[in-house]
Amino acid sequence: MPEEKLLNILCEWLYDKKDHLERAIAQDKERLSREPNLIHLIKDIAEKERCLGMNSENAMAEYQVFWQSLSPHDPYPCPFCFVIHNKISNLKAMPEDNGEESVKCRDCGTQIFFPSGACDS
């Protein structure tokens, strides 16, 4: 699988994750305004805001730089672990399923799907 195409897919996934977090925080805050006694929701919002803060443009740029420093035989790093948990863990290619390929993190279990052939040269 060509590395540059996979890197683009994983970076796009990070941007999508950031958008999803922003929307989820807005929805949770709206719900909290209607139901202010939901303590678990306050904790959920705080954790989502922490993740959103970690998922910065700078962190994504660092991920790209780290990726490009890898040798061809190094395993691909999980973008979620790298950006959110500030650690390096490996992605594993998963078997193709219903026209989709995916990679899965060996540590956090995050699985990222993309169309079959998207990484072909």
Protein backbone atom coordinates (compact mmCIF):
# COMPACT_ATOMS: atom_id res chain seq x y z
CA MET A 1 0.00 0.00 0.00
CA PRO A 2 1.65 3.28 -1.02
CA GLU A 3 2.56 5.16 2.13
CA GLU A 4 1.67 8.67 0.98
CA LYS A 5 -1.91 7.71 0.07
CA LEU A 6 -2.41 5.95 3.38
CA LEU A 7 -1.00 8.97 5.22
CA ASN A 8 -3.53 11.19 3.41
CA ILE A 9 -6.38 8.84 4.39
CA LEU A 10 -5.28 8.82 8.03
CA CYS A 11 -4.89 12.62 8.13
CA GLU A 12 -8.36 13.01 6.62
CA TRP A 13 -9.63 10.66 9.34
CA LEU A 14 -8.07 12.95 11.97
CA TYR A 15 -9.82 15.98 10.46
CA ASP A 16 -13.12 14.07 10.43
CA LYS A 17 -12.55 13.04 14.06
CA LYS A 18 -11.99 16.70 14.97
CA ASP A 19 -15.22 17.76 13.20
CA HIS A 20 -17.12 14.96 14.94
CA LEU A 21 -15.79 16.05 18.34
CA GLU A 22 -16.79 19.67 17.71
CA ARG A 23 -20.33 18.63 16.78
CA ALA A 24 -20.61 16.22 19.72
CA ILE A 25 -19.47 18.89 22.18
CA ALA A 26 -22.02 21.36 20.80
CA GLN A 27 -24.81 18.76 21.09
CA ASP A 28 -23.77 17.80 24.62
CA LYS A 29 -23.65 21.45 25.71
CA GLU A 30 -27.09 22.03 24.24
CA ARG A 31 -28.43 19.03 26.16
CA LEU A 32 -26.67 20.20 29.33
CA SER A 33 -28.36 23.60 29.03
CA ARG A 34 -31.72 21.80 29.13
CA GLU A 35 -30.68 19.29 31.82
CA PRO A 36 -28.02 20.97 33.99
CA ASN A 37 -27.85 18.18 36.60
CA LEU A 38 -26.30 15.56 34.31
CA ILE A 39 -22.92 15.19 35.99
CA HIS A 40 -21.80 12.43 33.61
CA LEU A 41 -22.44 14.76 30.68
CA ILE A 42 -20.15 17.39 32.22
CA LYS A 43 -17.40 14.77 32.44
CA ASP A 44 -18.06 13.64 28.86
CA ILE A 45 -17.82 17.21 27.59
CA ALA A 46 -14.54 17.74 29.47
CA GLU A 47 -13.02 14.58 27.98
CA LYS A 48 -14.18 15.49 24.46
CA GLU A 49 -12.77 19.00 24.87
CA ARG A 50 -9.46 17.51 26.04
CA CYS A 51 -9.35 15.29 22.94
CA LEU A 52 -10.27 18.22 20.72
CA GLY A 53 -7.48 20.30 22.22
CA MET A 54 -4.97 17.53 21.54
CA ASN A 55 -6.20 17.17 17.94
CA SER A 56 -4.62 20.43 16.82
CA GLU A 57 -3.13 21.46 13.51
CA ASN A 58 0.29 21.30 15.16
CA ALA A 59 -0.28 17.73 16.39
CA MET A 60 -1.45 16.66 12.93
CA ALA A 61 1.64 18.25 11.38
CA GLU A 62 3.85 16.43 13.90
CA TYR A 63 2.13 13.16 12.96
CA GLN A 64 2.90 13.78 9.28
CA VAL A 65 6.54 14.61 10.02
CA PHE A 66 6.91 11.51 12.18
CA TRP A 67 5.28 9.36 9.48
CA GLN A 68 7.67 10.66 6.84
CA SER A 69 10.65 9.87 9.07
CA LEU A 70 9.78 6.16 9.11
CA SER A 71 11.70 3.65 7.08
CA PRO A 72 9.75 1.41 4.66
CA HIS A 73 9.92 -1.51 7.10
CA ASP A 74 8.59 0.38 10.13
CA PRO A 75 4.97 -0.25 11.13
CA TYR A 76 2.51 2.58 10.48
CA PRO A 77 1.66 4.62 13.62
CA CYS A 78 -1.91 5.01 14.87
CA PRO A 79 -3.01 8.64 14.35
CA PHE A 80 -5.38 8.53 17.34
CA CYS A 81 -2.73 7.27 19.77
CA PHE A 82 -0.13 9.68 18.40
CA VAL A 83 -2.33 12.79 18.50
CA ILE A 84 -4.68 12.13 21.43
CA HIS A 85 -2.64 9.89 23.73
CA ASN A 86 0.80 11.23 22.75
CA LYS A 87 2.20 7.73 22.22
CA ILE A 88 3.32 5.59 19.34
CA SER A 89 1.42 2.39 18.63
CA ASN A 90 1.20 0.31 15.50
CA LEU A 91 -1.54 -0.09 12.94
CA LYS A 92 -2.26 -3.51 11.55
CA ALA A 93 -3.75 -4.05 8.08
CA MET A 94 -7.05 -5.92 8.36
CA PRO A 95 -8.57 -8.27 5.79
CA GLU A 96 -10.66 -6.63 3.09
CA ASP A 97 -14.37 -6.76 3.84
CA ASN A 98 -17.25 -5.79 1.51
CA GLY A 99 -15.12 -3.56 -0.68
CA GLU A 100 -13.45 -1.81 2.24
CA GLU A 101 -9.94 -2.03 3.56
CA SER A 102 -9.02 -1.00 7.07
CA VAL A 103 -6.22 -0.63 9.54
CA LYS A 104 -6.62 -1.25 13.25
CA CYS A 105 -4.52 -0.04 16.15
CA ARG A 106 -2.94 -2.81 18.17
CA ASP A 107 -3.22 -0.72 21.37
CA CYS A 108 -6.37 1.43 21.38
CA GLY A 109 -8.41 -0.70 18.95
CA THR A 110 -9.34 2.23 16.70
CA GLN A 111 -10.22 0.91 13.25
CA ILE A 112 -10.09 3.17 10.22
CA PHE A 113 -11.95 2.10 7.08
CA PHE A 114 -11.38 3.27 3.52
CA PRO A 115 -12.53 2.11 0.08
CA SER A 116 -10.69 -0.87 -1.34
CA GLY A 117 -8.01 0.26 -3.75
CA ALA A 118 -7.80 3.78 -2.30
CA CYS A 119 -4.12 3.25 -1.55
CA ASP A 120 -3.23 1.60 -4.84
CA SER A 121 -0.72 3.46 -6.97
